[in-house]
């Protein structure tokens, strides 16, 4: 069917272009061949030329287009593979992103828990230190009170009592020293 359409497309313009003389003069071609036009010999020559051309060029052209189709199909297949690989990588990246977000949330939650624990520990340590400082302060106050009492007693005794006021005999001194030593 395609060949018939192709042939008619080639033959119809040739028929339209073939013309005779309108004036009725005999043409030189008619005088040489005895025919008015050379339409049919040209059609036959063109048909032979087209057949030879088809015979010589049809297979290489078919092979070229088959190869081109195969190359395009291969490129399309490679593009689809790359697209699928990109989609897979995107899915993997999204999965990693979700996992990292989940891990980040866990880390934040752990950090908040640790901060609460550390603040409680620091508060408890501070309370213990405050209690210890208060205890040390009370002991220091008590110590200072004793020290001031001794100083006051020593001052009073040293001002009011002299060594002449105390009569000690030797036996009393020996007794005091032996108590201190023992």
N, C-alpha and C. Protein backbone atom coordinates (compact mmCIF):
# COMPACT_ATOMS: atom_id res chain seq x y z
N UNK A 1 0.83 -1.19 0.00
CA UNK A 1 0.00 0.00 0.00
C UNK A 1 0.88 1.26 0.00
N UNK A 2 1.92 1.25 0.85
CA UNK A 2 2.81 2.40 0.91
C UNK A 2 3.55 2.60 -0.41
N UNK A 3 3.91 1.48 -1.02
CA UNK A 3 4.62 1.58 -2.30
C UNK A 3 3.72 2.17 -3.38
N UNK A 4 2.47 1.80 -3.37
CA UNK A 4 1.51 2.32 -4.36
C UNK A 4 1.31 3.82 -4.18
N UNK A 5 1.22 4.27 -2.93
CA UNK A 5 1.07 5.71 -2.66
C UNK A 5 2.32 6.46 -3.08
N UNK A 6 3.47 5.90 -2.76
CA UNK A 6 4.73 6.53 -3.13
C UNK A 6 4.86 6.63 -4.65
N UNK A 7 4.52 5.57 -5.33
CA UNK A 7 4.59 5.56 -6.80
C UNK A 7 3.64 6.59 -7.39
N UNK A 8 2.43 6.69 -6.84
CA UNK A 8 1.47 7.66 -7.38
C UNK A 8 1.94 9.09 -7.11
N UNK A 9 2.61 9.33 -5.97
CA UNK A 9 3.14 10.67 -5.69
C UNK A 9 4.26 11.04 -6.66
N UNK A 10 4.95 10.05 -7.15
CA UNK A 10 6.01 10.33 -8.10
C UNK A 10 5.50 10.44 -9.53
N UNK A 11 4.50 9.69 -9.86
CA UNK A 11 4.00 9.63 -11.23
C UNK A 11 3.09 10.81 -11.54
N UNK A 12 2.24 11.23 -10.63
CA UNK A 12 1.27 12.30 -10.89
C UNK A 12 1.96 13.60 -11.26
N UNK A 13 2.98 14.05 -10.53
CA UNK A 13 3.65 15.29 -10.95
C UNK A 13 4.31 15.14 -12.32
N UNK A 14 4.82 13.95 -12.59
CA UNK A 14 5.45 13.75 -13.89
C UNK A 14 4.41 13.89 -15.01
N UNK A 15 3.20 13.40 -14.83
CA UNK A 15 2.16 13.51 -15.83
C UNK A 15 1.74 14.95 -16.02
N UNK A 16 1.68 15.67 -14.94
CA UNK A 16 1.27 17.07 -15.03
C UNK A 16 2.32 17.91 -15.74
N UNK A 17 3.56 17.58 -15.53
CA UNK A 17 4.63 18.34 -16.14
C UNK A 17 4.85 17.97 -17.62
N UNK A 18 4.43 16.80 -17.99
CA UNK A 18 4.61 16.37 -19.39
C UNK A 18 3.59 17.13 -20.25
N UNK A 19 4.08 17.81 -21.20
CA UNK A 19 3.14 18.57 -22.03
C UNK A 19 3.60 18.53 -23.49
N UNK A 20 2.69 18.76 -24.31
CA UNK A 20 3.01 18.82 -25.74
C UNK A 20 2.99 20.27 -26.19
N UNK A 21 3.17 20.45 -27.47
CA UNK A 21 3.13 21.82 -28.00
C UNK A 21 1.69 22.20 -28.25
N UNK A 22 1.37 23.35 -27.87
CA UNK A 22 -0.01 23.81 -28.03
C UNK A 22 -0.28 24.31 -29.46
N UNK A 23 0.75 24.67 -30.14
CA UNK A 23 0.54 25.25 -31.47
C UNK A 23 0.30 24.19 -32.54
N UNK A 24 0.50 22.96 -32.21
CA UNK A 24 0.27 21.89 -33.16
C UNK A 24 1.48 21.59 -34.01
N UNK A 25 2.57 22.23 -33.74
CA UNK A 25 3.78 21.93 -34.50
C UNK A 25 4.30 20.58 -34.09
N UNK A 26 4.93 19.98 -34.97
CA UNK A 26 5.53 18.70 -34.63
C UNK A 26 6.85 18.98 -33.94
N UNK A 27 7.04 18.26 -32.87
CA UNK A 27 8.27 18.47 -32.12
C UNK A 27 9.40 17.65 -32.69
N UNK A 28 10.55 18.01 -32.33
CA UNK A 28 11.73 17.29 -32.78
C UNK A 28 11.72 15.87 -32.27
N UNK A 29 11.24 15.67 -31.05
CA UNK A 29 11.17 14.34 -30.46
C UNK A 29 10.24 13.46 -31.28
N UNK A 30 9.12 14.02 -31.73
CA UNK A 30 8.18 13.26 -32.54
C UNK A 30 8.79 12.84 -33.87
N UNK A 31 9.58 13.71 -34.39
CA UNK A 31 10.21 13.40 -35.66
C UNK A 31 11.23 12.28 -35.50
N UNK A 32 11.91 12.27 -34.33
CA UNK A 32 12.94 11.26 -34.12
C UNK A 32 12.35 9.92 -33.70
N UNK A 33 11.35 9.92 -32.83
CA UNK A 33 10.86 8.68 -32.26
C UNK A 33 9.52 8.25 -32.80
N UNK A 34 8.78 9.12 -33.33
CA UNK A 34 7.46 8.78 -33.82
C UNK A 34 6.41 8.88 -32.72
N UNK A 35 6.77 9.38 -31.56
CA UNK A 35 5.81 9.56 -30.46
C UNK A 35 5.77 11.04 -30.11
N UNK A 36 4.66 11.43 -29.57
CA UNK A 36 4.53 12.83 -29.21
C UNK A 36 5.24 13.16 -27.92
N UNK A 37 5.28 12.29 -26.97
CA UNK A 37 5.95 12.59 -25.70
C UNK A 37 6.82 11.42 -25.28
N UNK A 38 7.74 11.75 -24.43
CA UNK A 38 8.63 10.72 -23.89
C UNK A 38 8.25 10.39 -22.45
N UNK A 39 6.99 10.55 -22.13
CA UNK A 39 6.53 10.33 -20.76
C UNK A 39 6.78 8.90 -20.28
N UNK A 40 6.34 7.91 -21.04
CA UNK A 40 6.44 6.52 -20.59
C UNK A 40 7.89 6.07 -20.52
N UNK A 41 8.76 6.41 -21.43
CA UNK A 41 10.16 6.02 -21.24
C UNK A 41 10.78 6.66 -20.01
N UNK A 42 10.38 7.88 -19.72
CA UNK A 42 10.90 8.54 -18.50
C UNK A 42 10.37 7.86 -17.24
N UNK A 43 9.13 7.47 -17.28
CA UNK A 43 8.56 6.76 -16.12
C UNK A 43 9.29 5.45 -15.91
N UNK A 44 9.55 4.74 -16.98
CA UNK A 44 10.27 3.46 -16.88
C UNK A 44 11.68 3.70 -16.38
N UNK A 45 12.36 4.70 -16.92
CA UNK A 45 13.72 5.00 -16.45
C UNK A 45 13.72 5.39 -14.97
N UNK A 46 12.75 6.21 -14.58
CA UNK A 46 12.68 6.61 -13.18
C UNK A 46 12.38 5.41 -12.29
N UNK A 47 11.51 4.51 -12.76
CA UNK A 47 11.18 3.32 -11.98
C UNK A 47 12.41 2.45 -11.80
N UNK A 48 13.20 2.29 -12.87
CA UNK A 48 14.43 1.51 -12.76
C UNK A 48 15.39 2.19 -11.79
N UNK A 49 15.52 3.51 -11.91
CA UNK A 49 16.40 4.25 -11.00
C UNK A 49 15.94 4.10 -9.55
N UNK A 50 14.64 4.23 -9.31
CA UNK A 50 14.11 4.11 -7.95
C UNK A 50 14.33 2.70 -7.42
N UNK A 51 14.14 1.68 -8.28
CA UNK A 51 14.34 0.30 -7.84
C UNK A 51 15.80 0.05 -7.50
N UNK A 52 16.73 0.54 -8.35
CA UNK A 52 18.16 0.39 -8.04
C UNK A 52 18.52 1.13 -6.75
N UNK A 53 18.00 2.32 -6.63
CA UNK A 53 18.28 3.10 -5.42
C UNK A 53 17.75 2.39 -4.18
N UNK A 54 16.54 1.86 -4.28
CA UNK A 54 15.96 1.11 -3.17
C UNK A 54 16.81 -0.12 -2.86
N UNK A 55 17.24 -0.82 -3.90
CA UNK A 55 18.04 -2.04 -3.73
C UNK A 55 19.36 -1.73 -3.05
N UNK A 56 19.97 -0.62 -3.42
CA UNK A 56 21.29 -0.29 -2.88
C UNK A 56 21.23 0.43 -1.53
N UNK A 57 20.23 1.25 -1.30
CA UNK A 57 20.23 2.12 -0.12
C UNK A 57 19.23 1.69 0.95
N UNK A 58 18.26 0.87 0.62
CA UNK A 58 17.20 0.54 1.57
C UNK A 58 17.74 -0.14 2.83
N UNK A 59 18.56 -1.16 2.68
CA UNK A 59 19.06 -1.88 3.85
C UNK A 59 19.95 -1.00 4.74
N UNK A 60 20.90 -0.25 4.17
CA UNK A 60 21.69 0.63 5.05
C UNK A 60 20.83 1.67 5.78
N UNK A 61 19.82 2.19 5.09
CA UNK A 61 18.94 3.16 5.75
C UNK A 61 18.13 2.49 6.85
N UNK A 62 17.62 1.30 6.56
CA UNK A 62 16.87 0.55 7.58
C UNK A 62 17.77 0.25 8.77
N UNK A 63 19.00 -0.20 8.50
CA UNK A 63 19.95 -0.50 9.58
C UNK A 63 20.27 0.75 10.39
N UNK A 64 20.43 1.88 9.67
CA UNK A 64 20.71 3.13 10.38
C UNK A 64 19.58 3.47 11.34
N UNK A 65 18.34 3.38 10.86
CA UNK A 65 17.21 3.74 11.70
C UNK A 65 16.99 2.71 12.82
N UNK A 66 17.26 1.44 12.52
CA UNK A 66 17.17 0.42 13.58
C UNK A 66 18.21 0.69 14.65
N UNK A 67 19.43 0.99 14.20
CA UNK A 67 20.49 1.32 15.15
C UNK A 67 20.16 2.56 15.96
N UNK A 68 19.62 3.54 15.28
CA UNK A 68 19.22 4.78 15.95
C UNK A 68 18.13 4.49 16.98
N UNK A 69 17.15 3.66 16.60
CA UNK A 69 16.08 3.29 17.53
C UNK A 69 16.65 2.55 18.73
N UNK A 70 17.58 1.63 18.45
CA UNK A 70 18.19 0.87 19.55
C UNK A 70 18.99 1.79 20.46
N UNK A 71 19.73 2.75 19.88
CA UNK A 71 20.52 3.69 20.69
C UNK A 71 19.61 4.56 21.55
N UNK A 72 18.52 5.02 20.94
CA UNK A 72 17.57 5.84 21.71
C UNK A 72 16.94 5.01 22.82
N UNK A 73 16.57 3.75 22.51
CA UNK A 73 16.00 2.88 23.53
C UNK A 73 17.01 2.64 24.65
N UNK A 74 18.28 2.44 24.31
CA UNK A 74 19.33 2.22 25.31
C UNK A 74 19.50 3.47 26.18
N UNK A 75 19.52 4.64 25.54
CA UNK A 75 19.64 5.88 26.30
C UNK A 75 18.45 6.07 27.23
N UNK A 76 17.27 5.77 26.71
CA UNK A 76 16.07 5.87 27.52
C UNK A 76 16.14 4.92 28.72
N UNK A 77 16.62 3.71 28.46
CA UNK A 77 16.76 2.73 29.54
C UNK A 77 17.76 3.23 30.59
N UNK A 78 18.90 3.78 30.14
CA UNK A 78 19.90 4.30 31.07
C UNK A 78 19.33 5.47 31.89
N UNK A 79 18.57 6.32 31.21
CA UNK A 79 17.97 7.46 31.92
C UNK A 79 16.98 6.96 32.97
N UNK A 80 16.17 5.95 32.60
CA UNK A 80 15.22 5.40 33.56
C UNK A 80 15.95 4.76 34.74
N UNK A 81 17.06 4.06 34.47
CA UNK A 81 17.84 3.46 35.55
C UNK A 81 18.41 4.54 36.47
N UNK A 82 18.94 5.62 35.85
CA UNK A 82 19.47 6.72 36.67
C UNK A 82 18.37 7.38 37.48
N UNK A 83 17.21 7.53 36.85
CA UNK A 83 16.08 8.12 37.57
C UNK A 83 15.66 7.24 38.74
N UNK A 84 15.62 5.93 38.51
CA UNK A 84 15.25 5.01 39.59
C UNK A 84 16.31 5.04 40.69
N UNK A 85 17.59 5.09 40.29
CA UNK A 85 18.66 5.17 41.29
C UNK A 85 18.55 6.46 42.09
N UNK A 86 18.22 7.56 41.41
CA UNK A 86 18.05 8.83 42.11
C UNK A 86 16.88 8.78 43.08
N UNK A 87 15.79 8.13 42.64
CA UNK A 87 14.63 7.98 43.54
C UNK A 87 15.00 7.14 44.76
N UNK A 88 15.75 6.05 44.52
CA UNK A 88 16.18 5.20 45.64
C UNK A 88 17.08 5.98 46.60
N UNK A 89 18.02 6.76 46.03
CA UNK A 89 18.90 7.55 46.88
C UNK A 89 18.12 8.59 47.66
N UNK A 90 17.10 9.16 47.02
CA UNK A 90 16.26 10.14 47.70
C UNK A 90 15.54 9.49 48.88
N UNK A 91 14.99 8.28 48.64
CA UNK A 91 14.30 7.56 49.72
C UNK A 91 15.27 7.25 50.85
N UNK A 92 16.48 6.79 50.49
CA UNK A 92 17.47 6.49 51.52
C UNK A 92 17.86 7.74 52.28
N UNK A 93 18.03 8.84 51.57
CA UNK A 93 18.40 10.10 52.23
C UNK A 93 17.28 10.56 53.16
N UNK A 94 16.03 10.40 52.73
CA UNK A 94 14.92 10.78 53.59
C UNK A 94 14.86 9.88 54.82
N UNK A 95 15.13 8.59 54.62
CA UNK A 95 15.14 7.67 55.76
C UNK A 95 16.26 8.05 56.73
N UNK A 96 17.45 8.36 56.19
CA UNK A 96 18.55 8.78 57.06
C UNK A 96 18.22 10.08 57.77
N UNK A 97 17.53 10.99 57.06
CA UNK A 97 17.15 12.25 57.67
C UNK A 97 16.18 12.03 58.83
N UNK A 98 15.19 11.16 58.59
CA UNK A 98 14.24 10.86 59.67
C UNK A 98 14.94 10.21 60.85
N UNK A 99 15.86 9.29 60.56
CA UNK A 99 16.60 8.63 61.63
C UNK A 99 17.45 9.64 62.40
N UNK A 100 18.09 10.54 61.68
CA UNK A 100 18.93 11.53 62.36
C UNK A 100 18.07 12.51 63.16
N UNK A 101 16.90 12.88 62.64
CA UNK A 101 16.00 13.74 63.40
C UNK A 101 15.54 13.04 64.67
N UNK A 102 15.23 11.75 64.55
CA UNK A 102 14.81 10.98 65.72
C UNK A 102 15.95 10.91 66.73
N UNK A 103 17.16 10.66 66.23
CA UNK A 103 18.33 10.60 67.11
C UNK A 103 18.58 11.95 67.77
N UNK A 104 18.40 13.03 67.00
CA UNK A 104 18.59 14.37 67.56
C UNK A 104 17.57 14.64 68.66
N UNK A 105 16.33 14.23 68.45
CA UNK A 105 15.30 14.40 69.48
C UNK A 105 15.65 13.59 70.72
N UNK A 106 16.16 12.38 70.51
CA UNK A 106 16.57 11.56 71.65
C UNK A 106 17.71 12.22 72.41
N UNK A 107 18.67 12.76 71.67
CA UNK A 107 19.81 13.42 72.31
C UNK A 107 19.33 14.64 73.10
N UNK A 108 18.41 15.41 72.52
CA UNK A 108 17.88 16.57 73.23
C UNK A 108 17.15 16.15 74.50
N UNK A 109 16.34 15.10 74.40
CA UNK A 109 15.61 14.61 75.57
C UNK A 109 16.59 14.14 76.65
N UNK A 110 17.63 13.39 76.22
CA UNK A 110 18.64 12.93 77.18
C UNK A 110 19.37 14.10 77.81
N UNK A 111 19.68 15.11 77.00
CA UNK A 111 20.38 16.29 77.53
C UNK A 111 19.50 17.02 78.55
N UNK A 112 18.21 17.11 78.26
CA UNK A 112 17.30 17.76 79.21
C UNK A 112 17.23 16.98 80.51
N UNK A 113 17.15 15.64 80.42
CA UNK A 113 17.13 14.81 81.62
C UNK A 113 18.42 14.97 82.41
N UNK A 114 19.56 14.97 81.69
CA UNK A 114 20.85 15.14 82.36
C UNK A 114 20.94 16.51 83.01
N UNK A 115 20.40 17.53 82.34
CA UNK A 115 20.43 18.88 82.91
C UNK A 115 19.62 18.93 84.21
N UNK A 116 18.46 18.27 84.21
CA UNK A 116 17.64 18.24 85.42
C UNK A 116 18.39 17.50 86.54
N UNK A 117 18.98 16.37 86.19
CA UNK A 117 19.72 15.58 87.19
C UNK A 117 20.90 16.38 87.72
N UNK A 118 21.64 17.03 86.81
CA UNK A 118 22.79 17.82 87.24
C UNK A 118 22.36 19.01 88.10
N UNK A 119 21.27 19.66 87.74
CA UNK A 119 20.81 20.80 88.54
C UNK A 119 20.39 20.33 89.94
N UNK A 120 19.72 19.17 90.00
CA UNK A 120 19.35 18.63 91.31
C UNK A 120 20.60 18.27 92.12
N UNK A 121 21.58 17.67 91.44
CA UNK A 121 22.82 17.30 92.12
C UNK A 121 23.57 18.54 92.62
N UNK A 122 23.61 19.58 91.77
CA UNK A 122 24.29 20.81 92.16
C UNK A 122 23.55 21.47 93.33
N UNK A 123 22.21 21.47 93.27
CA UNK A 123 21.43 22.05 94.36
C UNK A 123 21.68 21.29 95.66
N UNK A 124 21.72 19.99 95.59
CA UNK A 124 21.96 19.18 96.79
C UNK A 124 23.37 19.43 97.32
N UNK A 125 24.34 19.51 96.41
CA UNK A 125 25.72 19.78 96.82
C UNK A 125 25.81 21.16 97.46
N UNK A 126 25.12 22.14 96.88
CA UNK A 126 25.12 23.48 97.45
C UNK A 126 24.48 23.50 98.83
N UNK A 127 23.38 22.77 98.99
CA UNK A 127 22.74 22.69 100.31
C UNK A 127 23.69 22.08 101.34
N UNK A 128 24.39 21.00 100.93
CA UNK A 128 25.35 20.37 101.85
C UNK A 128 26.48 21.33 102.20
N UNK A 129 26.95 22.08 101.20
CA UNK A 129 28.03 23.03 101.45
C UNK A 129 27.55 24.16 102.36
N UNK A 130 26.31 24.61 102.15
CA UNK A 130 25.77 25.66 103.02
C UNK A 130 25.66 25.16 104.45
N UNK A 131 25.15 23.92 104.61
CA UNK A 131 25.06 23.35 105.96
C UNK A 131 26.45 23.22 106.59
N UNK A 132 27.42 22.79 105.79
CA UNK A 132 28.79 22.65 106.29
C UNK A 132 29.36 24.02 106.67
N UNK A 133 29.12 25.02 105.84
CA UNK A 133 29.60 26.37 106.15
C UNK A 133 28.93 26.93 107.40
N UNK A 134 27.64 26.67 107.54
CA UNK A 134 26.94 27.12 108.76
C UNK A 134 27.51 26.44 110.00
N UNK A 135 27.77 25.14 109.86
CA UNK A 135 28.34 24.39 110.99
C UNK A 135 29.72 24.94 111.33
N UNK A 136 30.55 25.19 110.28
CA UNK A 136 31.88 25.74 110.52
C UNK A 136 31.78 27.14 111.14
N UNK A 137 30.80 27.92 110.69
CA UNK A 137 30.61 29.26 111.23
C UNK A 137 30.25 29.18 112.72
N UNK A 138 29.32 28.26 113.06
CA UNK A 138 28.93 28.10 114.47
C UNK A 138 30.12 27.66 115.31
N UNK A 139 30.92 26.72 114.76
CA UNK A 139 32.10 26.26 115.51
C UNK A 139 33.10 27.40 115.69
N UNK A 140 33.24 28.22 114.64
CA UNK A 140 34.18 29.34 114.73
C UNK A 140 33.68 30.36 115.75
N UNK A 141 32.35 30.57 115.74
CA UNK A 141 31.78 31.50 116.75
C UNK A 141 32.05 30.96 118.15
N UNK A 142 31.80 29.67 118.34
CA UNK A 142 32.03 29.05 119.65
C UNK A 142 33.50 29.18 120.03
N UNK A 143 34.38 28.92 119.08
CA UNK A 143 35.81 29.01 119.33
C UNK A 143 36.21 30.45 119.67
N UNK A 144 35.66 31.40 118.94
CA UNK A 144 35.97 32.81 119.22
C UNK A 144 35.43 33.22 120.58
N UNK A 145 34.23 32.71 120.94
CA UNK A 145 33.67 33.01 122.27
C UNK A 145 34.59 32.48 123.36
N UNK A 146 35.06 31.26 123.21
CA UNK A 146 35.98 30.67 124.19
C UNK A 146 37.28 31.46 124.27
N UNK A 147 37.76 31.82 123.06
CA UNK A 147 39.02 32.56 123.00
C UNK A 147 38.89 33.92 123.69
N UNK A 148 37.76 34.61 123.39
CA UNK A 148 37.57 35.91 124.04
C UNK A 148 37.37 35.76 125.54
N UNK A 149 36.69 34.66 125.94
CA UNK A 149 36.50 34.41 127.38
C UNK A 149 37.85 34.17 128.05
N UNK A 150 38.70 33.40 127.45
CA UNK A 150 40.04 33.15 128.00
C UNK A 150 40.84 34.44 128.10
N UNK A 151 40.78 35.20 126.99
CA UNK A 151 41.54 36.46 127.00
C UNK A 151 41.04 37.38 128.10
N UNK A 152 39.71 37.41 128.22
CA UNK A 152 39.14 38.26 129.27
C UNK A 152 39.55 37.76 130.65
N UNK A 153 39.48 36.46 130.86
CA UNK A 153 39.87 35.87 132.15
C UNK A 153 41.35 36.12 132.39
N UNK A 154 42.17 35.91 131.36
CA UNK A 154 43.61 36.14 131.53
C UNK A 154 43.89 37.60 131.84
N UNK A 155 43.15 38.46 131.15
CA UNK A 155 43.36 39.89 131.39
C UNK A 155 42.98 40.29 132.81
N UNK A 156 41.81 39.77 133.21
CA UNK A 156 41.34 40.08 134.57
C UNK A 156 42.29 39.51 135.59
N UNK A 157 42.70 38.31 135.38
CA UNK A 157 43.59 37.67 136.35
C UNK A 157 44.97 38.35 136.34
N UNK A 158 45.43 38.69 135.18
CA UNK A 158 46.76 39.29 135.14
C UNK A 158 46.75 40.70 135.72
N UNK A 159 45.64 41.38 135.59
CA UNK A 159 45.58 42.73 136.14
C UNK A 159 45.34 42.71 137.65
N UNK A 160 44.50 41.83 138.08
CA UNK A 160 44.10 41.84 139.49
C UNK A 160 44.94 40.94 140.38
N UNK A 161 45.41 39.88 139.87
CA UNK A 161 46.15 38.94 140.71
C UNK A 161 47.61 38.99 140.30
N UNK A 162 48.41 39.11 141.23
CA UNK A 162 49.85 39.10 141.00
C UNK A 162 50.41 37.83 141.60
N UNK A 163 51.66 37.58 141.35
CA UNK A 163 52.28 36.38 141.89
C UNK A 163 52.48 36.46 143.38
N UNK A 164 52.44 37.59 143.90
CA UNK A 164 52.59 37.75 145.34
C UNK A 164 51.34 37.32 146.04
N UNK A 165 50.18 37.43 145.32
CA UNK A 165 48.92 37.08 145.93
C UNK A 165 48.77 35.57 146.07
N UNK A 166 49.49 34.82 145.34
CA UNK A 166 49.35 33.37 145.40
C UNK A 166 50.51 32.82 146.21
N UNK A 167 50.11 32.10 147.23
CA UNK A 167 51.12 31.45 148.04
C UNK A 167 51.10 29.97 147.73
N UNK A 168 52.14 29.54 147.18
CA UNK A 168 52.24 28.13 146.87
C UNK A 168 53.43 27.57 147.62
N UNK A 169 53.19 26.52 148.20
CA UNK A 169 54.33 25.85 148.79
C UNK A 169 54.82 24.78 147.86
N UNK A 170 55.90 24.20 148.18
CA UNK A 170 56.56 23.27 147.28
C UNK A 170 55.73 22.02 147.04
N UNK A 171 55.06 21.58 148.01
CA UNK A 171 54.24 20.37 147.85
C UNK A 171 53.08 20.62 146.91
N UNK A 172 52.54 21.80 146.97
CA UNK A 172 51.43 22.15 146.09
C UNK A 172 51.93 22.23 144.64
N UNK A 173 53.10 22.78 144.39
CA UNK A 173 53.67 22.90 143.05
C UNK A 173 53.94 21.53 142.48
N UNK A 174 54.50 20.62 143.30
CA UNK A 174 54.79 19.27 142.88
C UNK A 174 53.51 18.53 142.53
N UNK A 175 52.50 18.76 143.27
CA UNK A 175 51.22 18.11 143.02
C UNK A 175 50.61 18.59 141.69
N UNK A 176 50.65 19.86 141.45
CA UNK A 176 50.12 20.44 140.21
C UNK A 176 50.89 19.92 139.00
N UNK A 177 52.21 19.86 139.10
CA UNK A 177 53.04 19.39 137.99
C UNK A 177 52.78 17.90 137.75
N UNK A 178 52.65 17.13 138.78
CA UNK A 178 52.42 15.70 138.59
C UNK A 178 51.06 15.44 137.98
N UNK A 179 50.07 16.29 138.27
CA UNK A 179 48.77 16.14 137.63
C UNK A 179 48.87 16.48 136.14
N UNK A 180 49.63 17.51 135.84
CA UNK A 180 49.78 17.88 134.45
C UNK A 180 50.52 16.83 133.66
N UNK A 181 51.54 16.24 134.24
CA UNK A 181 52.33 15.23 133.57
C UNK A 181 51.53 13.94 133.41
N UNK A 182 50.78 13.56 134.38
CA UNK A 182 50.03 12.32 134.35
C UNK A 182 48.85 12.47 133.53
